[in-house]
Structures are given as structure tokens and as C-alpha cells.
Amino acid sequence: MNTKHLTTKILTLLLILSSIFSSCKNSGNNLSIVVKETHNQYQLAIDYNKSKTDSVEQYLTRFIGQDTIFKAAHPSEINVTMADKTTFVIKSTPGDFNLTFDKSKNSKTALNRVKKINEELKPILN
């Protein structure tokens, strides 16, 4: 009888673990957007469905106005300098995007423009 209980417990544990792994981060329609803003910095972190990586990268390439900022090999860490001298850092892997904007190195107008990334990515990611 103990063997049956042990087998049942092991099978239950395996079922739970397989359920957890099958719903791993970024493999489904999960979307997480976190914005942190301090006196010195603006940060945007987005976890999204990996299948939308190409769309996200295409949008960002258009937004930044430079070709081939993303390399085929991931992860990517990109120090961006736009034509108007706006600077920020992007860290990207399929399904994960992080942007860090240093307020002391940029204008308020640049900050407002970069904040639009969050709003403009939402329809792409939904």
C-alpha cells in the first residue's frame, strides 16, 4: 500500500512540475509591463510572448531610426544614440525587453518621447 501512495505522490509531483514548465515565462500570452521612474532614471521592463520578438524589434528599429540595431544573436545590449542625441540602453532577449534612460544625460522632451515606447508597444504585444 505504501508503494502505491509513494507512486501516486511522485506522479502528482511530476504532473505539477510539468504544468509549471509548460506555462513558463514568455511562452504563452503572458504580458508583464513594469515602469520604474526615479529622479535620475526611467526604466521600462516588458516580458512578452517570444513569438512577438520580430514585431517588437521592427517597431524599435523604426522608433530609433537606425537600421540593424538588433543582431541575430541574442541577448542584445545596445547603447542607443538617436539623431537628436537622445541616449538610452536597451537589453533584449526574445520575450524580454528592458530600457534604461538616464535623465541627467537627456532632455525632458527626450524623456517624453521615450515614454511613448510603452504605449506604442502595447497594441503590438496584445
C-alpha atoms as a PDB file:
ATOM      1  CA  MET A   1       0.000   0.000   0.000  1.00  0.00           C
ATOM      2  CA  ASN A   2       2.860   2.377   0.776  1.00  0.00           C
ATOM      3  CA  THR A   3       4.289   1.808  -2.679  1.00  0.00           C
ATOM      4  CA  LYS A   4       1.002   2.909  -4.256  1.00  0.00           C
ATOM      5  CA  HIS A   5       0.907   6.063  -2.143  1.00  0.00           C
ATOM      6  CA  LEU A   6       4.505   6.856  -2.969  1.00  0.00           C
ATOM      7  CA  THR A   7       3.867   6.283  -6.673  1.00  0.00           C
ATOM      8  CA  THR A   8       0.777   8.489  -6.542  1.00  0.00           C
ATOM      9  CA  LYS A   9       2.709  11.256  -4.805  1.00  0.00           C
ATOM     10  CA  ILE A  10       5.549  11.066  -7.321  1.00  0.00           C
ATOM     11  CA  LEU A  11       3.138  11.140 -10.250  1.00  0.00           C
ATOM     12  CA  THR A  12       1.295  14.093  -8.726  1.00  0.00           C
ATOM     13  CA  LEU A  13       4.571  15.955  -8.234  1.00  0.00           C
ATOM     14  CA  LEU A  14       5.609  15.231 -11.819  1.00  0.00           C
ATOM     15  CA  LEU A  15       2.252  16.455 -13.072  1.00  0.00           C
ATOM     16  CA  ILE A  16       2.614  19.693 -11.113  1.00  0.00           C
ATOM     17  CA  LEU A  17       6.167  20.214 -12.358  1.00  0.00           C
ATOM     18  CA  SER A  18       5.213  19.570 -15.970  1.00  0.00           C
ATOM     19  CA  SER A  19       2.361  22.037 -15.620  1.00  0.00           C
ATOM     20  CA  ILE A  20       4.731  24.660 -14.268  1.00  0.00           C
ATOM     21  CA  PHE A  21       7.271  24.122 -17.047  1.00  0.00           C
ATOM     22  CA  SER A  22       4.638  24.121 -19.770  1.00  0.00           C
ATOM     23  CA  SER A  23       3.494  27.561 -18.675  1.00  0.00           C
ATOM     24  CA  CYS A  24       6.984  29.006 -18.462  1.00  0.00           C
ATOM     25  CA  LYS A  25       7.515  32.730 -18.720  1.00  0.00           C
ATOM     26  CA  ASN A  26       7.064  34.242 -22.180  1.00  0.00           C
ATOM     27  CA  SER A  27       5.806  31.085 -23.849  1.00  0.00           C
ATOM     28  CA  GLY A  28       2.132  31.982 -23.726  1.00  0.00           C
ATOM     29  CA  ASN A  29       0.144  35.151 -23.917  1.00  0.00           C
ATOM     30  CA  ASN A  30       1.504  36.470 -20.636  1.00  0.00           C
ATOM     31  CA  LEU A  31       2.375  40.137 -20.715  1.00  0.00           C
ATOM     32  CA  SER A  32       4.097  41.986 -17.918  1.00  0.00           C
ATOM     33  CA  ILE A  33       4.985  45.675 -18.125  1.00  0.00           C
ATOM     34  CA  VAL A  34       6.870  47.333 -15.285  1.00  0.00           C
ATOM     35  CA  VAL A  35       7.790  51.010 -15.267  1.00  0.00           C
ATOM     36  CA  LYS A  36      10.114  52.409 -12.615  1.00  0.00           C
ATOM     37  CA  GLU A  37      10.858  56.081 -12.529  1.00  0.00           C
ATOM     38  CA  THR A  38      13.116  57.882 -10.103  1.00  0.00           C
ATOM     39  CA  HIS A  39      14.572  61.370 -10.025  1.00  0.00           C
ATOM     40  CA  ASN A  40      17.554  60.165 -12.095  1.00  0.00           C
ATOM     41  CA  GLN A  41      16.238  57.332 -14.211  1.00  0.00           C
ATOM     42  CA  TYR A  42      13.333  55.920 -16.206  1.00  0.00           C
ATOM     43  CA  GLN A  43      13.186  52.142 -16.644  1.00  0.00           C
ATOM     44  CA  LEU A  44      10.820  50.051 -18.717  1.00  0.00           C
ATOM     45  CA  ALA A  45      10.778  46.253 -18.411  1.00  0.00           C
ATOM     46  CA  ILE A  46       8.473  44.159 -20.573  1.00  0.00           C
ATOM     47  CA  ASP A  47       8.071  40.369 -20.573  1.00  0.00           C
ATOM     48  CA  TYR A  48       6.019  39.226 -23.540  1.00  0.00           C
ATOM     49  CA  ASN A  49       5.264  36.286 -25.815  1.00  0.00           C
ATOM     50  CA  LYS A  50       8.502  35.300 -27.597  1.00  0.00           C
ATOM     51  CA  SER A  51       6.647  34.952 -30.890  1.00  0.00           C
ATOM     52  CA  LYS A  52       6.261  38.744 -30.972  1.00  0.00           C
ATOM     53  CA  THR A  53      10.012  39.445 -30.798  1.00  0.00           C
ATOM     54  CA  ASP A  54      10.311  40.318 -34.501  1.00  0.00           C
ATOM     55  CA  SER A  55       7.426  42.797 -34.254  1.00  0.00           C
ATOM     56  CA  VAL A  56       8.934  44.423 -31.154  1.00  0.00           C
ATOM     57  CA  GLU A  57      12.340  44.737 -32.796  1.00  0.00           C
ATOM     58  CA  GLN A  58      10.834  46.137 -36.012  1.00  0.00           C
ATOM     59  CA  TYR A  59       8.919  48.769 -34.021  1.00  0.00           C
ATOM     60  CA  LEU A  60      12.027  49.772 -32.050  1.00  0.00           C
ATOM     61  CA  THR A  61      14.141  49.972 -35.199  1.00  0.00           C
ATOM     62  CA  ARG A  62      11.591  52.387 -36.703  1.00  0.00           C
ATOM     63  CA  PHE A  63      11.323  54.357 -33.447  1.00  0.00           C
ATOM     64  CA  ILE A  64      15.080  54.748 -33.118  1.00  0.00           C
ATOM     65  CA  GLY A  65      15.541  55.461 -36.817  1.00  0.00           C
ATOM     66  CA  GLN A  66      18.559  53.227 -37.350  1.00  0.00           C
ATOM     67  CA  ASP A  67      18.828  50.040 -39.349  1.00  0.00           C
ATOM     68  CA  THR A  68      20.010  46.763 -37.897  1.00  0.00           C
ATOM     69  CA  ILE A  69      20.297  47.784 -34.261  1.00  0.00           C
ATOM     70  CA  PHE A  70      19.344  44.255 -33.228  1.00  0.00           C
ATOM     71  CA  LYS A  71      21.709  41.435 -34.026  1.00  0.00           C
ATOM     72  CA  ALA A  72      20.552  37.927 -34.848  1.00  0.00           C
ATOM     73  CA  ALA A  73      22.334  36.594 -31.781  1.00  0.00           C
ATOM     74  CA  HIS A  74      20.571  37.230 -28.515  1.00  0.00           C
ATOM     75  CA  PRO A  75      20.885  38.567 -25.884  1.00  0.00           C
ATOM     76  CA  SER A  76      21.450  42.074 -27.152  1.00  0.00           C
ATOM     77  CA  GLU A  77      22.665  45.037 -25.147  1.00  0.00           C
ATOM     78  CA  ILE A  78      22.511  48.201 -27.185  1.00  0.00           C
ATOM     79  CA  ASN A  79      23.637  51.695 -26.268  1.00  0.00           C
ATOM     80  CA  VAL A  80      21.324  53.825 -28.391  1.00  0.00           C
ATOM     81  CA  THR A  81      22.080  57.359 -29.535  1.00  0.00           C
ATOM     82  CA  MET A  82      19.296  58.797 -31.665  1.00  0.00           C
ATOM     83  CA  ALA A  83      19.733  61.549 -34.261  1.00  0.00           C
ATOM     84  CA  ASP A  84      18.615  64.184 -31.735  1.00  0.00           C
ATOM     85  CA  LYS A  85      21.284  62.935 -29.255  1.00  0.00           C
ATOM     86  CA  THR A  86      18.774  61.121 -27.029  1.00  0.00           C
ATOM     87  CA  THR A  87      20.603  58.229 -25.358  1.00  0.00           C
ATOM     88  CA  PHE A  88      19.393  55.108 -23.562  1.00  0.00           C
ATOM     89  CA  VAL A  89      20.287  51.441 -23.126  1.00  0.00           C
ATOM     90  CA  ILE A  90      18.243  48.505 -24.375  1.00  0.00           C
ATOM     91  CA  LYS A  91      18.737  44.938 -23.139  1.00  0.00           C
ATOM     92  CA  SER A  92      16.766  42.447 -25.164  1.00  0.00           C
ATOM     93  CA  THR A  93      16.238  38.730 -25.487  1.00  0.00           C
ATOM     94  CA  PRO A  94      13.294  37.042 -27.197  1.00  0.00           C
ATOM     95  CA  GLY A  95      10.313  37.704 -24.934  1.00  0.00           C
ATOM     96  CA  ASP A  96      12.129  40.177 -22.708  1.00  0.00           C
ATOM     97  CA  PHE A  97      12.831  43.886 -23.222  1.00  0.00           C
ATOM     98  CA  ASN A  98      14.459  46.349 -20.833  1.00  0.00           C
ATOM     99  CA  LEU A  99      15.120  50.022 -21.421  1.00  0.00           C
ATOM    100  CA  THR A 100      17.110  52.297 -19.120  1.00  0.00           C
ATOM    101  CA  PHE A 101      17.017  56.060 -19.679  1.00  0.00           C
ATOM    102  CA  ASP A 102      19.358  58.349 -17.726  1.00  0.00           C
ATOM    103  CA  LYS A 103      17.515  61.618 -17.104  1.00  0.00           C
ATOM    104  CA  SER A 104      20.729  63.540 -16.389  1.00  0.00           C
ATOM    105  CA  LYS A 105      22.008  62.828 -19.922  1.00  0.00           C
ATOM    106  CA  ASN A 106      18.791  63.685 -21.762  1.00  0.00           C
ATOM    107  CA  SER A 107      16.160  66.405 -22.062  1.00  0.00           C
ATOM    108  CA  LYS A 108      12.599  66.315 -20.722  1.00  0.00           C
ATOM    109  CA  THR A 109      11.385  66.251 -24.336  1.00  0.00           C
ATOM    110  CA  ALA A 110      13.521  63.147 -24.957  1.00  0.00           C
ATOM    111  CA  LEU A 111      12.079  61.510 -21.834  1.00  0.00           C
ATOM    112  CA  ASN A 112       8.521  62.151 -23.013  1.00  0.00           C
ATOM    113  CA  ARG A 113       9.348  60.662 -26.419  1.00  0.00           C
ATOM    114  CA  VAL A 114      10.907  57.540 -24.871  1.00  0.00           C
ATOM    115  CA  LYS A 115       7.882  57.098 -22.591  1.00  0.00           C
ATOM    116  CA  LYS A 116       5.777  56.679 -25.743  1.00  0.00           C
ATOM    117  CA  ILE A 117       7.534  53.361 -26.403  1.00  0.00           C
ATOM    118  CA  ASN A 118       5.480  51.786 -23.625  1.00  0.00           C
ATOM    119  CA  GLU A 119       2.172  52.992 -25.046  1.00  0.00           C
ATOM    120  CA  GLU A 120       3.037  52.220 -28.651  1.00  0.00           C
ATOM    121  CA  LEU A 121       4.217  48.679 -27.872  1.00  0.00           C
ATOM    122  CA  LYS A 122       1.011  47.693 -26.053  1.00  0.00           C
ATOM    123  CA  PRO A 123      -1.070  47.097 -29.220  1.00  0.00           C
ATOM    124  CA  ILE A 124       1.823  45.160 -30.779  1.00  0.00           C
ATOM    125  CA  LEU A 125       2.091  42.897 -27.727  1.00  0.00           C
ATOM    126  CA  ASN A 126      -1.625  42.265 -27.171  1.00  0.00           C
END
